[in-house]
Amino acid sequence: MRKIFFDTEFTGLHQNTTLISIGLVSDEGERFYAELTDYDETQCDDWITKNVLDHLLLSGNTELEKELEEDELTTRVIGNRDDVRTELLNWLDGFGDDIQFVSDVCHYDMVLLCELISDGAMLLPEYINPFCHDLCQDISMILDISEKAAFDISREQLLTDRGIDLPKGQKHNALYDAEVIKAIHEDFFSVGGGKTGR
């Protein structure tokens, strides 16, 4: 089974929220990053504009542009929903017949991913597990704290406290956040991880 760690950025908690960007990182380091051009910007509040939109390639993020140009493991897509869907499915096809997605507080992310890939979980390709593994529940279990407390922990602080270098990038960029999810998951489930790694 291949694990793919992912994160999404979207226009907020609205009935018709739309995807802004998505970042995925495989267990072996292959990466996929997409920015959508057809999201509904009128749904974005000031926080989303400042913390998400202003850090997109589409907004002139030169730091991210440089990082992606230097990285040969990242597939980068900028386009509408159909463009991104096509390229993402092509990328996922390379991972064999058993993919497990991992995200953090995944009930938003997985719905948006399923809608992007196939208009819903019931229509996903057979090689994709429709259940997403949730990192927040891992944090709760391994640190022996409530899920509410786990939700409130800074993921960057968690890595720093455990002696792990932060990935390159900017918080609230979907690809960076996917790298953070991968780093925490790998630390928790590696030899010496869990409570003994604190």
C-alpha atoms as a PDB file:
ATOM      1  CA  MET A   1       0.000   0.000   0.000  1.00  0.00           C
ATOM      2  CA  ARG A   2       1.266   3.470  -0.906  1.00  0.00           C
ATOM      3  CA  LYS A   3       0.575   6.378   1.442  1.00  0.00           C
ATOM      4  CA  ILE A   4      -0.047   9.839   0.069  1.00  0.00           C
ATOM      5  CA  PHE A   5      -0.096  12.768   2.476  1.00  0.00           C
ATOM      6  CA  PHE A   6      -2.153  15.735   1.362  1.00  0.00           C
ATOM      7  CA  ASP A   7      -3.672  19.069   2.253  1.00  0.00           C
ATOM      8  CA  THR A   8      -6.107  21.439   0.584  1.00  0.00           C
ATOM      9  CA  GLU A   9      -6.766  25.148   0.780  1.00  0.00           C
ATOM     10  CA  PHE A  10     -10.318  26.250   0.052  1.00  0.00           C
ATOM     11  CA  THR A  11     -12.601  29.260   0.109  1.00  0.00           C
ATOM     12  CA  GLY A  12     -13.923  28.763   3.629  1.00  0.00           C
ATOM     13  CA  LEU A  13     -16.616  26.816   5.403  1.00  0.00           C
ATOM     14  CA  HIS A  14     -19.492  27.578   3.058  1.00  0.00           C
ATOM     15  CA  GLN A  15     -22.174  25.376   1.579  1.00  0.00           C
ATOM     16  CA  ASN A  16     -20.603  25.687  -1.870  1.00  0.00           C
ATOM     17  CA  THR A  17     -16.949  26.034  -0.882  1.00  0.00           C
ATOM     18  CA  THR A  18     -14.460  25.657  -3.711  1.00  0.00           C
ATOM     19  CA  LEU A  19     -10.933  24.332  -3.854  1.00  0.00           C
ATOM     20  CA  ILE A  20      -8.109  26.877  -4.180  1.00  0.00           C
ATOM     21  CA  SER A  21      -5.075  24.594  -4.108  1.00  0.00           C
ATOM     22  CA  ILE A  22      -3.983  21.079  -3.261  1.00  0.00           C
ATOM     23  CA  GLY A  23      -0.644  19.564  -2.303  1.00  0.00           C
ATOM     24  CA  LEU A  24       0.217  15.859  -2.147  1.00  0.00           C
ATOM     25  CA  VAL A  25       3.419  14.103  -1.084  1.00  0.00           C
ATOM     26  CA  SER A  26       3.946  10.369  -1.456  1.00  0.00           C
ATOM     27  CA  ASP A  27       5.641   8.140   1.096  1.00  0.00           C
ATOM     28  CA  GLU A  28       8.692   8.098  -1.212  1.00  0.00           C
ATOM     29  CA  GLY A  29       8.802  11.847  -1.807  1.00  0.00           C
ATOM     30  CA  GLU A  30       7.039  12.381  -5.137  1.00  0.00           C
ATOM     31  CA  ARG A  31       4.979  15.564  -4.978  1.00  0.00           C
ATOM     32  CA  PHE A  32       1.983  17.100  -6.740  1.00  0.00           C
ATOM     33  CA  TYR A  33       0.966  20.723  -6.373  1.00  0.00           C
ATOM     34  CA  ALA A  34      -1.943  22.433  -8.095  1.00  0.00           C
ATOM     35  CA  GLU A  35      -3.567  25.840  -7.977  1.00  0.00           C
ATOM     36  CA  LEU A  36      -7.050  26.179  -9.403  1.00  0.00           C
ATOM     37  CA  THR A  37      -8.028  29.147 -11.508  1.00  0.00           C
ATOM     38  CA  ASP A  38     -11.797  28.760 -11.206  1.00  0.00           C
ATOM     39  CA  TYR A  39     -12.396  28.985  -7.462  1.00  0.00           C
ATOM     40  CA  ASP A  40     -14.976  31.494  -6.211  1.00  0.00           C
ATOM     41  CA  GLU A  41     -12.917  34.381  -4.851  1.00  0.00           C
ATOM     42  CA  THR A  42     -16.046  36.119  -3.538  1.00  0.00           C
ATOM     43  CA  GLN A  43     -16.239  33.411  -0.836  1.00  0.00           C
ATOM     44  CA  CYS A  44     -12.774  34.284   0.527  1.00  0.00           C
ATOM     45  CA  ASP A  45     -12.595  36.377   3.676  1.00  0.00           C
ATOM     46  CA  ASP A  46      -9.670  38.625   4.639  1.00  0.00           C
ATOM     47  CA  TRP A  47      -7.864  35.809   6.481  1.00  0.00           C
ATOM     48  CA  ILE A  48      -7.938  33.515   3.445  1.00  0.00           C
ATOM     49  CA  THR A  49      -6.819  36.347   1.181  1.00  0.00           C
ATOM     50  CA  LYS A  50      -3.847  37.210   3.412  1.00  0.00           C
ATOM     51  CA  ASN A  51      -2.792  33.691   4.450  1.00  0.00           C
ATOM     52  CA  VAL A  52      -3.664  31.606   1.397  1.00  0.00           C
ATOM     53  CA  LEU A  53      -4.249  33.639  -1.759  1.00  0.00           C
ATOM     54  CA  ASP A  54      -1.284  35.967  -1.223  1.00  0.00           C
ATOM     55  CA  HIS A  55       1.055  32.926  -1.061  1.00  0.00           C
ATOM     56  CA  LEU A  56      -0.004  31.317  -4.335  1.00  0.00           C
ATOM     57  CA  LEU A  57       2.097  31.107  -7.481  1.00  0.00           C
ATOM     58  CA  LEU A  58      -0.805  32.902  -9.136  1.00  0.00           C
ATOM     59  CA  SER A  59      -0.173  35.814  -6.742  1.00  0.00           C
ATOM     60  CA  GLY A  60       3.534  35.978  -7.572  1.00  0.00           C
ATOM     61  CA  ASN A  61       5.031  33.842  -4.785  1.00  0.00           C
ATOM     62  CA  THR A  62       8.662  33.903  -5.973  1.00  0.00           C
ATOM     63  CA  GLU A  63       9.887  31.781  -3.041  1.00  0.00           C
ATOM     64  CA  LEU A  64       7.550  28.941  -3.971  1.00  0.00           C
ATOM     65  CA  GLU A  65       8.333  29.380  -7.674  1.00  0.00           C
ATOM     66  CA  LYS A  66      12.047  28.972  -6.977  1.00  0.00           C
ATOM     67  CA  GLU A  67      11.493  25.944  -4.729  1.00  0.00           C
ATOM     68  CA  LEU A  68       9.402  24.173  -7.362  1.00  0.00           C
ATOM     69  CA  GLU A  69      11.853  24.988 -10.168  1.00  0.00           C
ATOM     70  CA  GLU A  70      14.679  23.375  -8.177  1.00  0.00           C
ATOM     71  CA  ASP A  71      12.638  20.284  -7.274  1.00  0.00           C
ATOM     72  CA  GLU A  72      12.517  17.519  -9.878  1.00  0.00           C
ATOM     73  CA  LEU A  73      10.051  15.424  -7.849  1.00  0.00           C
ATOM     74  CA  THR A  74       7.100  17.838  -8.061  1.00  0.00           C
ATOM     75  CA  THR A  75       4.390  17.834 -10.696  1.00  0.00           C
ATOM     76  CA  ARG A  76       2.999  21.376 -10.840  1.00  0.00           C
ATOM     77  CA  VAL A  77      -0.351  22.302 -12.374  1.00  0.00           C
ATOM     78  CA  ILE A  78      -2.156  25.618 -12.674  1.00  0.00           C
ATOM     79  CA  GLY A  79      -5.540  25.402 -14.318  1.00  0.00           C
ATOM     80  CA  ASN A  80      -9.247  24.925 -13.956  1.00  0.00           C
ATOM     81  CA  ARG A  81     -10.862  22.031 -12.108  1.00  0.00           C
ATOM     82  CA  ASP A  82     -10.904  19.759 -15.172  1.00  0.00           C
ATOM     83  CA  ASP A  83      -7.226  20.441 -15.926  1.00  0.00           C
ATOM     84  CA  VAL A  84      -6.209  19.665 -12.350  1.00  0.00           C
ATOM     85  CA  ARG A  85      -8.395  16.531 -12.219  1.00  0.00           C
ATOM     86  CA  THR A  86      -6.815  15.121 -15.384  1.00  0.00           C
ATOM     87  CA  GLU A  87      -3.247  15.768 -14.232  1.00  0.00           C
ATOM     88  CA  LEU A  88      -3.893  14.487 -10.698  1.00  0.00           C
ATOM     89  CA  LEU A  89      -5.439  11.237 -11.948  1.00  0.00           C
ATOM     90  CA  ASN A  90      -2.454  10.753 -14.279  1.00  0.00           C
ATOM     91  CA  TRP A  91      -0.121  11.294 -11.319  1.00  0.00           C
ATOM     92  CA  LEU A  92      -2.063   8.926  -9.027  1.00  0.00           C
ATOM     93  CA  ASP A  93      -2.118   6.210 -11.708  1.00  0.00           C
ATOM     94  CA  GLY A  94       1.613   5.754 -11.140  1.00  0.00           C
ATOM     95  CA  PHE A  95       1.202   4.497  -7.581  1.00  0.00           C
ATOM     96  CA  GLY A  96      -0.233   1.048  -8.170  1.00  0.00           C
ATOM     97  CA  ASP A  97      -3.510  -0.412  -7.057  1.00  0.00           C
ATOM     98  CA  ASP A  98      -3.713   0.490  -3.354  1.00  0.00           C
ATOM     99  CA  ILE A  99      -3.488   4.127  -2.228  1.00  0.00           C
ATOM    100  CA  GLN A 100      -4.132   5.291   1.343  1.00  0.00           C
ATOM    101  CA  PHE A 101      -4.570   9.045   1.780  1.00  0.00           C
ATOM    102  CA  VAL A 102      -3.419  10.700   5.013  1.00  0.00           C
ATOM    103  CA  SER A 103      -4.434  14.224   6.017  1.00  0.00           C
ATOM    104  CA  ASP A 104      -4.911  16.346   9.132  1.00  0.00           C
ATOM    105  CA  VAL A 105      -8.475  16.973  10.328  1.00  0.00           C
ATOM    106  CA  CYS A 106      -9.351  15.290   7.078  1.00  0.00           C
ATOM    107  CA  HIS A 107     -13.131  15.618   6.937  1.00  0.00           C
ATOM    108  CA  TYR A 108     -12.845  18.804   4.844  1.00  0.00           C
ATOM    109  CA  ASP A 109      -9.842  17.766   2.779  1.00  0.00           C
ATOM    110  CA  MET A 110     -11.095  14.320   1.815  1.00  0.00           C
ATOM    111  CA  VAL A 111     -14.472  15.585   0.639  1.00  0.00           C
ATOM    112  CA  LEU A 112     -12.764  18.179  -1.570  1.00  0.00           C
ATOM    113  CA  LEU A 113     -10.290  15.613  -2.884  1.00  0.00           C
ATOM    114  CA  CYS A 114     -13.055  13.135  -3.733  1.00  0.00           C
ATOM    115  CA  GLU A 115     -15.046  15.850  -5.481  1.00  0.00           C
ATOM    116  CA  LEU A 116     -11.970  16.891  -7.448  1.00  0.00           C
ATOM    117  CA  ILE A 117     -11.069  13.357  -8.527  1.00  0.00           C
ATOM    118  CA  SER A 118     -14.473  11.919  -9.284  1.00  0.00           C
ATOM    119  CA  ASP A 119     -17.426  14.021  -8.129  1.00  0.00           C
ATOM    120  CA  GLY A 120     -17.670  12.041  -4.884  1.00  0.00           C
ATOM    121  CA  ALA A 121     -16.334   9.122  -2.844  1.00  0.00           C
ATOM    122  CA  MET A 122     -18.650   6.531  -4.407  1.00  0.00           C
ATOM    123  CA  LEU A 123     -17.115   7.164  -7.846  1.00  0.00           C
ATOM    124  CA  LEU A 124     -13.437   7.001  -6.901  1.00  0.00           C
ATOM    125  CA  PRO A 125     -11.185   4.720  -8.951  1.00  0.00           C
ATOM    126  CA  GLU A 126     -10.935   1.257  -7.355  1.00  0.00           C
ATOM    127  CA  TYR A 127      -7.272   1.704  -6.444  1.00  0.00           C
ATOM    128  CA  ILE A 128      -8.090   4.594  -4.080  1.00  0.00           C
ATOM    129  CA  ASN A 129      -9.233   3.839  -0.546  1.00  0.00           C
ATOM    130  CA  PRO A 130     -12.233   6.143   0.117  1.00  0.00           C
ATOM    131  CA  PHE A 131     -11.297   6.325   3.810  1.00  0.00           C
ATOM    132  CA  CYS A 132      -8.718   8.957   4.786  1.00  0.00           C
ATOM    133  CA  HIS A 133      -6.352   8.324   7.688  1.00  0.00           C
ATOM    134  CA  ASP A 134      -6.579  11.297  10.086  1.00  0.00           C
ATOM    135  CA  LEU A 135      -3.350  12.640  11.613  1.00  0.00           C
ATOM    136  CA  CYS A 136      -5.234  14.604  14.290  1.00  0.00           C
ATOM    137  CA  GLN A 137      -6.528  11.342  15.754  1.00  0.00           C
ATOM    138  CA  ASP A 138      -2.971   9.962  15.726  1.00  0.00           C
ATOM    139  CA  ILE A 139      -1.748  13.005  17.655  1.00  0.00           C
ATOM    140  CA  SER A 140      -4.524  12.513  20.196  1.00  0.00           C
ATOM    141  CA  MET A 141      -3.756   8.820  20.652  1.00  0.00           C
ATOM    142  CA  ILE A 142       0.041   8.962  20.676  1.00  0.00           C
ATOM    143  CA  LEU A 143       0.318  12.005  22.931  1.00  0.00           C
ATOM    144  CA  ASP A 144      -2.566  10.720  25.092  1.00  0.00           C
ATOM    145  CA  ILE A 145      -4.571  13.928  24.860  1.00  0.00           C
ATOM    146  CA  SER A 146      -8.115  14.760  23.770  1.00  0.00           C
ATOM    147  CA  GLU A 147      -8.862  15.242  20.080  1.00  0.00           C
ATOM    148  CA  LYS A 148      -9.744  18.872  20.891  1.00  0.00           C
ATOM    149  CA  ALA A 149      -6.299  19.360  22.455  1.00  0.00           C
ATOM    150  CA  ALA A 150      -4.710  17.610  19.485  1.00  0.00           C
ATOM    151  CA  PHE A 151      -6.558  19.916  17.096  1.00  0.00           C
ATOM    152  CA  ASP A 152      -5.198  22.981  18.923  1.00  0.00           C
ATOM    153  CA  ILE A 153      -1.518  21.956  18.846  1.00  0.00           C
ATOM    154  CA  SER A 154       0.705  23.812  16.390  1.00  0.00           C
ATOM    155  CA  ARG A 155       1.969  21.197  13.958  1.00  0.00           C
ATOM    156  CA  GLU A 156       5.230  23.117  13.456  1.00  0.00           C
ATOM    157  CA  GLN A 157       5.752  23.346  17.211  1.00  0.00           C
ATOM    158  CA  LEU A 158       5.093  19.621  17.519  1.00  0.00           C
ATOM    159  CA  LEU A 159       7.872  18.874  15.021  1.00  0.00           C
ATOM    160  CA  THR A 160      10.245  21.361  16.641  1.00  0.00           C
ATOM    161  CA  ASP A 161       9.593  19.910  20.118  1.00  0.00           C
ATOM    162  CA  ARG A 162      10.430  16.467  18.759  1.00  0.00           C
ATOM    163  CA  GLY A 163      13.719  17.679  17.268  1.00  0.00           C
ATOM    164  CA  ILE A 164      12.597  17.511  13.628  1.00  0.00           C
ATOM    165  CA  ASP A 165      13.521  20.193  11.111  1.00  0.00           C
ATOM    166  CA  LEU A 166      10.592  21.941   9.466  1.00  0.00           C
ATOM    167  CA  PRO A 167      10.186  21.454   5.721  1.00  0.00           C
ATOM    168  CA  LYS A 168      10.882  24.323   3.345  1.00  0.00           C
ATOM    169  CA  GLY A 169       7.913  26.482   2.513  1.00  0.00           C
ATOM    170  CA  GLN A 170       5.201  28.676   3.968  1.00  0.00           C
ATOM    171  CA  LYS A 171       2.437  27.707   6.378  1.00  0.00           C
ATOM    172  CA  HIS A 172      -1.024  27.495   4.778  1.00  0.00           C
ATOM    173  CA  ASN A 173       0.465  26.521   1.445  1.00  0.00           C
ATOM    174  CA  ALA A 174      -1.084  23.139   0.645  1.00  0.00           C
ATOM    175  CA  LEU A 175       2.209  21.521  -0.402  1.00  0.00           C
ATOM    176  CA  TYR A 176       4.051  22.733   2.695  1.00  0.00           C
ATOM    177  CA  ASP A 177       1.225  21.548   4.952  1.00  0.00           C
ATOM    178  CA  ALA A 178       1.301  18.121   3.247  1.00  0.00           C
ATOM    179  CA  GLU A 179       5.036  17.913   4.001  1.00  0.00           C
ATOM    180  CA  VAL A 180       4.350  18.738   7.667  1.00  0.00           C
ATOM    181  CA  ILE A 181       1.689  16.003   7.832  1.00  0.00           C
ATOM    182  CA  LYS A 182       4.133  13.515   6.312  1.00  0.00           C
ATOM    183  CA  ALA A 183       6.909  14.480   8.750  1.00  0.00           C
ATOM    184  CA  ILE A 184       4.687  14.041  11.822  1.00  0.00           C
ATOM    185  CA  HIS A 185       3.224  10.755  10.587  1.00  0.00           C
ATOM    186  CA  GLU A 186       6.658   9.332   9.801  1.00  0.00           C
ATOM    187  CA  ASP A 187       7.999  10.369  13.204  1.00  0.00           C
ATOM    188  CA  PHE A 188       5.056   8.811  15.026  1.00  0.00           C
ATOM    189  CA  PHE A 189       5.232   5.525  13.160  1.00  0.00           C
ATOM    190  CA  SER A 190       8.991   5.090  12.827  1.00  0.00           C
ATOM    191  CA  VAL A 191      11.127   3.078  15.198  1.00  0.00           C
ATOM    192  CA  GLY A 192      11.574   5.266  18.244  1.00  0.00           C
ATOM    193  CA  GLY A 193       8.478   7.339  17.436  1.00  0.00           C
ATOM    194  CA  GLY A 194       5.387   7.707  19.547  1.00  0.00           C
ATOM    195  CA  LYS A 195       5.633   8.674  23.188  1.00  0.00           C
ATOM    196  CA  THR A 196       9.256   7.559  23.440  1.00  0.00           C
ATOM    197  CA  GLY A 197      10.224  10.108  20.777  1.00  0.00           C
ATOM    198  CA  ARG A 198       8.996  13.099  22.812  1.00  0.00           C
END
